[in-house]
Amino acid sequence: VFASGLVTLADPSAPALAAGGPAGVQAGLSAQLQWQASDAESGAPSVTYALDGGARVALRGQACSWLCGTSDSGTAAIDLGALADGPHSLTVYAQSYADAASSVGPLAFSVDRNPPAQAVIKVEPDPASAVTGWWGHAPIALTLSSATEADVVSSTLQVHGPAGTLVFEHVSAGALRSAGVPASALGANGLYRVDLLECDAAGHCSVSRFVAPMARF
């Protein structure tokens, strides 16, 4: 005589699951996840998600069987605050009472909340210069380097003359590693300012500056 208890029957199919989460470049501290799960045999399944293969976070528990309905859906704000800049992924899982779990993902995205590191601007020595510490004999060679070069999607190099006016500009896609200041930019002897603006895909930018005496020898 079976007085009381639970009987789990075999479920021939895994839950159906659809999910859409963070994509592209995420600059905020959270992102929206949309999910929809169903199972005609066992009822609406439990739904969880995991960031970067870590611990699963519950979105929906399985409170009862198909007697409570066979499908459910919802949205959730995914906390991205603890994620460092760089590539990440999110996977969504659905699990019913008596079948294997189904999953969607990993859904790839990247986090970018910080500007690129300031680049180092180096003016190559001019051994032919008649004045120590001055640069001339254009084109003046510039060497540019950045610790976060892979994050840079656009670079703008500007040279300002002794009067502060813009005398030369060069725009490049990606990180700029070298450039030359032409003779036409050196209209007068004195201090020239070299600015390098680097921006990443999220629109964060950093500016590096180098000031040096230059002359048109």
C-alpha atoms as a PDB file:
ATOM      1  CA  VAL A   1       0.000   0.000   0.000  1.00  0.00           C
ATOM      2  CA  PHE A   2       1.493   3.320  -1.088  1.00  0.00           C
ATOM      3  CA  ALA A   3       0.411   5.815   1.557  1.00  0.00           C
ATOM      4  CA  SER A   4       2.218   8.984   0.534  1.00  0.00           C
ATOM      5  CA  GLY A   5       5.293  10.280  -1.255  1.00  0.00           C
ATOM      6  CA  LEU A   6       6.559  11.521  -4.597  1.00  0.00           C
ATOM      7  CA  VAL A   7       6.923   9.585  -7.823  1.00  0.00           C
ATOM      8  CA  THR A   8       9.195  10.974 -10.559  1.00  0.00           C
ATOM      9  CA  LEU A   9       8.409   9.790 -14.066  1.00  0.00           C
ATOM     10  CA  ALA A  10      10.854   9.771 -16.961  1.00  0.00           C
ATOM     11  CA  ASP A  11      10.756  12.870 -19.169  1.00  0.00           C
ATOM     12  CA  PRO A  12      11.475  12.159 -22.857  1.00  0.00           C
ATOM     13  CA  SER A  13      12.654  15.651 -23.796  1.00  0.00           C
ATOM     14  CA  ALA A  14      14.842  18.371 -22.313  1.00  0.00           C
ATOM     15  CA  PRO A  15      13.274  21.784 -21.668  1.00  0.00           C
ATOM     16  CA  ALA A  16      13.000  24.251 -24.543  1.00  0.00           C
ATOM     17  CA  LEU A  17      14.994  27.363 -23.780  1.00  0.00           C
ATOM     18  CA  ALA A  18      15.602  30.706 -25.473  1.00  0.00           C
ATOM     19  CA  ALA A  19      17.675  33.535 -24.057  1.00  0.00           C
ATOM     20  CA  GLY A  20      19.182  36.839 -25.095  1.00  0.00           C
ATOM     21  CA  GLY A  21      21.714  38.530 -22.906  1.00  0.00           C
ATOM     22  CA  PRO A  22      24.579  41.005 -22.980  1.00  0.00           C
ATOM     23  CA  ALA A  23      26.235  41.443 -26.374  1.00  0.00           C
ATOM     24  CA  GLY A  24      28.904  43.649 -27.858  1.00  0.00           C
ATOM     25  CA  VAL A  25      30.655  46.151 -25.598  1.00  0.00           C
ATOM     26  CA  GLN A  26      29.118  46.775 -22.171  1.00  0.00           C
ATOM     27  CA  ALA A  27      30.137  50.044 -20.486  1.00  0.00           C
ATOM     28  CA  GLY A  28      27.623  49.944 -17.606  1.00  0.00           C
ATOM     29  CA  LEU A  29      27.416  48.040 -14.332  1.00  0.00           C
ATOM     30  CA  SER A  30      24.473  45.856 -15.391  1.00  0.00           C
ATOM     31  CA  ALA A  31      22.837  44.362 -18.486  1.00  0.00           C
ATOM     32  CA  GLN A  32      19.448  42.881 -19.300  1.00  0.00           C
ATOM     33  CA  LEU A  33      18.853  39.165 -19.814  1.00  0.00           C
ATOM     34  CA  GLN A  34      15.636  37.893 -21.433  1.00  0.00           C
ATOM     35  CA  TRP A  35      14.676  34.224 -21.145  1.00  0.00           C
ATOM     36  CA  GLN A  36      11.816  31.874 -22.023  1.00  0.00           C
ATOM     37  CA  ALA A  37      11.632  28.221 -20.956  1.00  0.00           C
ATOM     38  CA  SER A  38       9.039  25.464 -21.319  1.00  0.00           C
ATOM     39  CA  ASP A  39       8.576  21.732 -20.810  1.00  0.00           C
ATOM     40  CA  ALA A  40       5.271  20.071 -21.723  1.00  0.00           C
ATOM     41  CA  GLU A  41       6.010  16.895 -19.716  1.00  0.00           C
ATOM     42  CA  SER A  42       7.445  18.252 -16.469  1.00  0.00           C
ATOM     43  CA  GLY A  43       6.107  21.773 -16.311  1.00  0.00           C
ATOM     44  CA  ALA A  44       7.939  25.100 -16.508  1.00  0.00           C
ATOM     45  CA  PRO A  45      11.579  24.333 -15.623  1.00  0.00           C
ATOM     46  CA  SER A  46      13.938  26.036 -13.228  1.00  0.00           C
ATOM     47  CA  VAL A  47      16.192  28.603 -14.926  1.00  0.00           C
ATOM     48  CA  THR A  48      19.671  29.692 -13.863  1.00  0.00           C
ATOM     49  CA  TYR A  49      22.598  31.545 -15.407  1.00  0.00           C
ATOM     50  CA  ALA A  50      26.353  31.660 -14.912  1.00  0.00           C
ATOM     51  CA  LEU A  51      28.962  34.286 -15.785  1.00  0.00           C
ATOM     52  CA  ASP A  52      32.258  33.018 -17.184  1.00  0.00           C
ATOM     53  CA  GLY A  53      31.444  29.455 -16.136  1.00  0.00           C
ATOM     54  CA  GLY A  54      31.123  30.407 -12.460  1.00  0.00           C
ATOM     55  CA  ALA A  55      28.459  29.672  -9.874  1.00  0.00           C
ATOM     56  CA  ARG A  56      24.899  29.505 -11.155  1.00  0.00           C
ATOM     57  CA  VAL A  57      22.449  32.223 -10.138  1.00  0.00           C
ATOM     58  CA  ALA A  58      18.745  31.314  -9.930  1.00  0.00           C
ATOM     59  CA  LEU A  59      16.244  33.131 -12.120  1.00  0.00           C
ATOM     60  CA  ARG A  60      13.319  30.780 -11.521  1.00  0.00           C
ATOM     61  CA  GLY A  61      12.844  27.753  -9.327  1.00  0.00           C
ATOM     62  CA  GLN A  62      10.633  24.801 -10.251  1.00  0.00           C
ATOM     63  CA  ALA A  63       7.900  25.112  -7.669  1.00  0.00           C
ATOM     64  CA  CYS A  64       5.622  22.358  -8.973  1.00  0.00           C
ATOM     65  CA  SER A  65       4.900  20.176 -12.024  1.00  0.00           C
ATOM     66  CA  TRP A  66       2.951  20.800 -15.216  1.00  0.00           C
ATOM     67  CA  LEU A  67      -0.122  21.329 -13.044  1.00  0.00           C
ATOM     68  CA  CYS A  68       1.239  24.881 -12.489  1.00  0.00           C
ATOM     69  CA  GLY A  69       1.877  25.543 -16.186  1.00  0.00           C
ATOM     70  CA  THR A  70       4.349  24.375 -18.772  1.00  0.00           C
ATOM     71  CA  SER A  71       6.145  27.612 -19.685  1.00  0.00           C
ATOM     72  CA  ASP A  72       7.456  30.813 -18.181  1.00  0.00           C
ATOM     73  CA  SER A  73       9.541  33.800 -19.222  1.00  0.00           C
ATOM     74  CA  GLY A  74      11.088  36.894 -17.731  1.00  0.00           C
ATOM     75  CA  THR A  75      13.851  39.472 -17.673  1.00  0.00           C
ATOM     76  CA  ALA A  76      16.618  40.038 -15.166  1.00  0.00           C
ATOM     77  CA  ALA A  77      19.314  42.629 -14.556  1.00  0.00           C
ATOM     78  CA  ILE A  78      22.698  40.906 -14.638  1.00  0.00           C
ATOM     79  CA  ASP A  79      25.281  42.475 -12.318  1.00  0.00           C
ATOM     80  CA  LEU A  80      28.473  43.225 -14.251  1.00  0.00           C
ATOM     81  CA  GLY A  81      30.038  45.359 -11.531  1.00  0.00           C
ATOM     82  CA  ALA A  82      32.601  42.751 -10.480  1.00  0.00           C
ATOM     83  CA  LEU A  83      33.793  42.011 -14.026  1.00  0.00           C
ATOM     84  CA  ALA A  84      37.094  43.426 -15.212  1.00  0.00           C
ATOM     85  CA  ASP A  85      37.501  45.039 -18.608  1.00  0.00           C
ATOM     86  CA  GLY A  86      37.852  42.417 -21.311  1.00  0.00           C
ATOM     87  CA  PRO A  87      35.964  39.474 -22.856  1.00  0.00           C
ATOM     88  CA  HIS A  88      33.306  37.580 -20.852  1.00  0.00           C
ATOM     89  CA  SER A  89      30.439  35.181 -21.454  1.00  0.00           C
ATOM     90  CA  LEU A  90      27.064  34.250 -19.988  1.00  0.00           C
ATOM     91  CA  THR A  91      25.303  30.863 -20.175  1.00  0.00           C
ATOM     92  CA  VAL A  92      21.627  30.214 -19.323  1.00  0.00           C
ATOM     93  CA  TYR A  93      20.418  26.793 -18.123  1.00  0.00           C
ATOM     94  CA  ALA A  94      16.968  25.177 -17.807  1.00  0.00           C
ATOM     95  CA  GLN A  95      16.316  22.064 -15.708  1.00  0.00           C
ATOM     96  CA  SER A  96      13.092  20.088 -15.210  1.00  0.00           C
ATOM     97  CA  TYR A  97      12.345  17.334 -12.687  1.00  0.00           C
ATOM     98  CA  ALA A  98      13.361  14.291 -14.660  1.00  0.00           C
ATOM     99  CA  ASP A  99      15.505  15.171 -17.666  1.00  0.00           C
ATOM    100  CA  ALA A 100      18.859  16.533 -18.653  1.00  0.00           C
ATOM    101  CA  ALA A 101      19.449  20.270 -18.526  1.00  0.00           C
ATOM    102  CA  SER A 102      19.376  22.402 -21.643  1.00  0.00           C
ATOM    103  CA  SER A 103      21.434  25.547 -22.105  1.00  0.00           C
ATOM    104  CA  VAL A 104      21.903  28.609 -24.276  1.00  0.00           C
ATOM    105  CA  GLY A 105      25.350  30.098 -24.648  1.00  0.00           C
ATOM    106  CA  PRO A 106      27.968  30.952 -23.908  1.00  0.00           C
ATOM    107  CA  LEU A 107      26.769  34.397 -25.015  1.00  0.00           C
ATOM    108  CA  ALA A 108      29.940  36.399 -25.639  1.00  0.00           C
ATOM    109  CA  PHE A 109      30.309  40.059 -24.698  1.00  0.00           C
ATOM    110  CA  SER A 110      33.007  42.386 -23.446  1.00  0.00           C
ATOM    111  CA  VAL A 111      33.208  44.920 -20.634  1.00  0.00           C
ATOM    112  CA  ASP A 112      34.837  48.296 -21.165  1.00  0.00           C
ATOM    113  CA  ARG A 113      34.501  50.935 -18.465  1.00  0.00           C
ATOM    114  CA  ASN A 114      38.010  52.433 -18.504  1.00  0.00           C
ATOM    115  CA  PRO A 115      39.886  54.514 -21.086  1.00  0.00           C
ATOM    116  CA  PRO A 116      43.046  53.168 -22.706  1.00  0.00           C
ATOM    117  CA  ALA A 117      46.239  53.624 -20.727  1.00  0.00           C
ATOM    118  CA  GLN A 118      48.139  56.788 -21.552  1.00  0.00           C
ATOM    119  CA  ALA A 119      50.559  56.179 -24.385  1.00  0.00           C
ATOM    120  CA  VAL A 120      54.268  56.934 -24.250  1.00  0.00           C
ATOM    121  CA  ILE A 121      55.421  59.432 -26.882  1.00  0.00           C
ATOM    122  CA  LYS A 122      59.091  59.297 -27.788  1.00  0.00           C
ATOM    123  CA  VAL A 123      60.849  61.649 -30.183  1.00  0.00           C
ATOM    124  CA  GLU A 124      63.712  59.865 -31.894  1.00  0.00           C
ATOM    125  CA  PRO A 125      67.130  61.532 -31.409  1.00  0.00           C
ATOM    126  CA  ASP A 126      68.370  63.914 -34.079  1.00  0.00           C
ATOM    127  CA  PRO A 127      72.142  63.398 -34.206  1.00  0.00           C
ATOM    128  CA  ALA A 128      72.498  66.097 -36.858  1.00  0.00           C
ATOM    129  CA  SER A 129      70.954  68.786 -34.676  1.00  0.00           C
ATOM    130  CA  ALA A 130      73.213  71.773 -34.168  1.00  0.00           C
ATOM    131  CA  VAL A 131      71.662  72.524 -30.792  1.00  0.00           C
ATOM    132  CA  THR A 132      71.692  69.961 -27.961  1.00  0.00           C
ATOM    133  CA  GLY A 133      68.200  68.930 -26.862  1.00  0.00           C
ATOM    134  CA  TRP A 134      66.511  70.258 -29.985  1.00  0.00           C
ATOM    135  CA  TRP A 135      64.904  68.297 -32.774  1.00  0.00           C
ATOM    136  CA  GLY A 136      64.838  69.219 -36.431  1.00  0.00           C
ATOM    137  CA  HIS A 137      65.745  67.885 -39.839  1.00  0.00           C
ATOM    138  CA  ALA A 138      62.156  66.931 -40.561  1.00  0.00           C
ATOM    139  CA  PRO A 139      60.382  64.643 -40.789  1.00  0.00           C
ATOM    140  CA  ILE A 140      60.795  64.293 -37.050  1.00  0.00           C
ATOM    141  CA  ALA A 141      60.237  60.629 -36.163  1.00  0.00           C
ATOM    142  CA  LEU A 142      57.834  59.790 -33.329  1.00  0.00           C
ATOM    143  CA  THR A 143      57.561  56.381 -31.661  1.00  0.00           C
ATOM    144  CA  LEU A 144      54.274  55.693 -29.808  1.00  0.00           C
ATOM    145  CA  SER A 145      53.493  52.820 -27.453  1.00  0.00           C
ATOM    146  CA  SER A 146      50.586  51.879 -25.179  1.00  0.00           C
ATOM    147  CA  ALA A 147      50.120  49.127 -22.595  1.00  0.00           C
ATOM    148  CA  THR A 148      46.510  48.695 -23.757  1.00  0.00           C
ATOM    149  CA  GLU A 149      47.116  48.930 -27.489  1.00  0.00           C
ATOM    150  CA  ALA A 150      44.549  46.198 -28.249  1.00  0.00           C
ATOM    151  CA  ASP A 151      41.739  48.348 -26.794  1.00  0.00           C
ATOM    152  CA  VAL A 152      42.408  51.322 -29.076  1.00  0.00           C
ATOM    153  CA  VAL A 153      40.081  51.688 -32.077  1.00  0.00           C
ATOM    154  CA  SER A 154      41.083  55.211 -33.155  1.00  0.00           C
ATOM    155  CA  SER A 155      44.077  57.519 -32.693  1.00  0.00           C
ATOM    156  CA  THR A 156      44.487  61.228 -33.372  1.00  0.00           C
ATOM    157  CA  LEU A 157      47.953  62.789 -33.367  1.00  0.00           C
ATOM    158  CA  GLN A 158      48.129  66.579 -33.155  1.00  0.00           C
ATOM    159  CA  VAL A 159      51.142  68.887 -33.189  1.00  0.00           C
ATOM    160  CA  HIS A 160      50.786  72.453 -31.890  1.00  0.00           C
ATOM    161  CA  GLY A 161      53.340  75.144 -32.668  1.00  0.00           C
ATOM    162  CA  PRO A 162      54.992  77.657 -30.305  1.00  0.00           C
ATOM    163  CA  ALA A 163      51.937  79.930 -30.574  1.00  0.00           C
ATOM    164  CA  GLY A 164      49.632  77.064 -29.577  1.00  0.00           C
ATOM    165  CA  THR A 165      48.046  76.725 -33.014  1.00  0.00           C
ATOM    166  CA  LEU A 166      47.485  73.343 -34.652  1.00  0.00           C
ATOM    167  CA  VAL A 167      50.187  72.799 -37.288  1.00  0.00           C
ATOM    168  CA  PHE A 168      49.782  69.086 -38.013  1.00  0.00           C
ATOM    169  CA  GLU A 169      47.174  66.351 -37.484  1.00  0.00           C
ATOM    170  CA  HIS A 170      47.086  62.661 -38.331  1.00  0.00           C
ATOM    171  CA  VAL A 171      44.049  60.392 -37.720  1.00  0.00           C
ATOM    172  CA  SER A 172      44.397  56.619 -37.733  1.00  0.00           C
ATOM    173  CA  ALA A 173      42.217  53.565 -37.104  1.00  0.00           C
ATOM    174  CA  GLY A 174      43.558  51.476 -34.235  1.00  0.00           C
ATOM    175  CA  ALA A 175      46.676  52.247 -32.237  1.00  0.00           C
ATOM    176  CA  LEU A 176      49.301  54.465 -33.853  1.00  0.00           C
ATOM    177  CA  ARG A 177      52.812  53.117 -33.361  1.00  0.00           C
ATOM    178  CA  SER A 178      54.869  55.639 -35.312  1.00  0.00           C
ATOM    179  CA  ALA A 179      54.467  58.957 -37.100  1.00  0.00           C
ATOM    180  CA  GLY A 180      56.519  61.743 -38.626  1.00  0.00           C
ATOM    181  CA  VAL A 181      56.212  65.507 -38.198  1.00  0.00           C
ATOM    182  CA  PRO A 182      56.828  67.038 -41.649  1.00  0.00           C
ATOM    183  CA  ALA A 183      59.035  70.049 -42.302  1.00  0.00           C
ATOM    184  CA  SER A 184      55.972  72.047 -43.344  1.00  0.00           C
ATOM    185  CA  ALA A 185      54.721  71.906 -39.733  1.00  0.00           C
ATOM    186  CA  LEU A 186      57.851  73.581 -38.346  1.00  0.00           C
ATOM    187  CA  GLY A 187      57.154  77.191 -39.193  1.00  0.00           C
ATOM    188  CA  ALA A 188      59.083  78.692 -36.283  1.00  0.00           C
ATOM    189  CA  ASN A 189      61.692  77.663 -33.748  1.00  0.00           C
ATOM    190  CA  GLY A 190      60.453  76.975 -30.232  1.00  0.00           C
ATOM    191  CA  LEU A 191      58.450  74.563 -28.104  1.00  0.00           C
ATOM    192  CA  TYR A 192      56.101  72.235 -29.948  1.00  0.00           C
ATOM    193  CA  ARG A 193      53.408  70.179 -28.194  1.00  0.00           C
ATOM    194  CA  VAL A 194      52.554  66.698 -29.403  1.00  0.00           C
ATOM    195  CA  ASP A 195      49.170  65.319 -28.268  1.00  0.00           C
ATOM    196  CA  LEU A 196      47.975  61.753 -28.866  1.00  0.00           C
ATOM    197  CA  LEU A 197      44.272  61.036 -28.341  1.00  0.00           C
ATOM    198  CA  GLU A 198      43.398  57.319 -28.136  1.00  0.00           C
ATOM    199  CA  CYS A 199      39.807  56.050 -27.891  1.00  0.00           C
ATOM    200  CA  ASP A 200      38.325  52.597 -27.336  1.00  0.00           C
ATOM    201  CA  ALA A 201      35.150  51.027 -28.701  1.00  0.00           C
ATOM    202  CA  ALA A 202      33.047  52.309 -25.798  1.00  0.00           C
ATOM    203  CA  GLY A 203      34.045  55.929 -26.477  1.00  0.00           C
ATOM    204  CA  HIS A 204      36.490  56.273 -23.583  1.00  0.00           C
ATOM    205  CA  CYS A 205      39.536  58.337 -24.527  1.00  0.00           C
ATOM    206  CA  SER A 206      42.905  59.191 -23.032  1.00  0.00           C
ATOM    207  CA  VAL A 207      45.311  61.969 -23.993  1.00  0.00           C
ATOM    208  CA  SER A 208      49.109  61.750 -23.877  1.00  0.00           C
ATOM    209  CA  ARG A 209      51.317  64.830 -24.243  1.00  0.00           C
ATOM    210  CA  PHE A 210      54.947  65.536 -25.125  1.00  0.00           C
ATOM    211  CA  VAL A 211      56.511  68.991 -25.241  1.00  0.00           C
ATOM    212  CA  ALA A 212      59.897  69.489 -26.897  1.00  0.00           C
ATOM    213  CA  PRO A 213      61.916  72.281 -28.540  1.00  0.00           C
ATOM    214  CA  MET A 214      61.910  71.837 -32.306  1.00  0.00           C
ATOM    215  CA  ALA A 215      63.587  73.844 -35.015  1.00  0.00           C
ATOM    216  CA  ARG A 216      63.585  73.813 -38.780  1.00  0.00           C
ATOM    217  CA  PHE A 217      67.330  73.498 -39.295  1.00  0.00           C
END
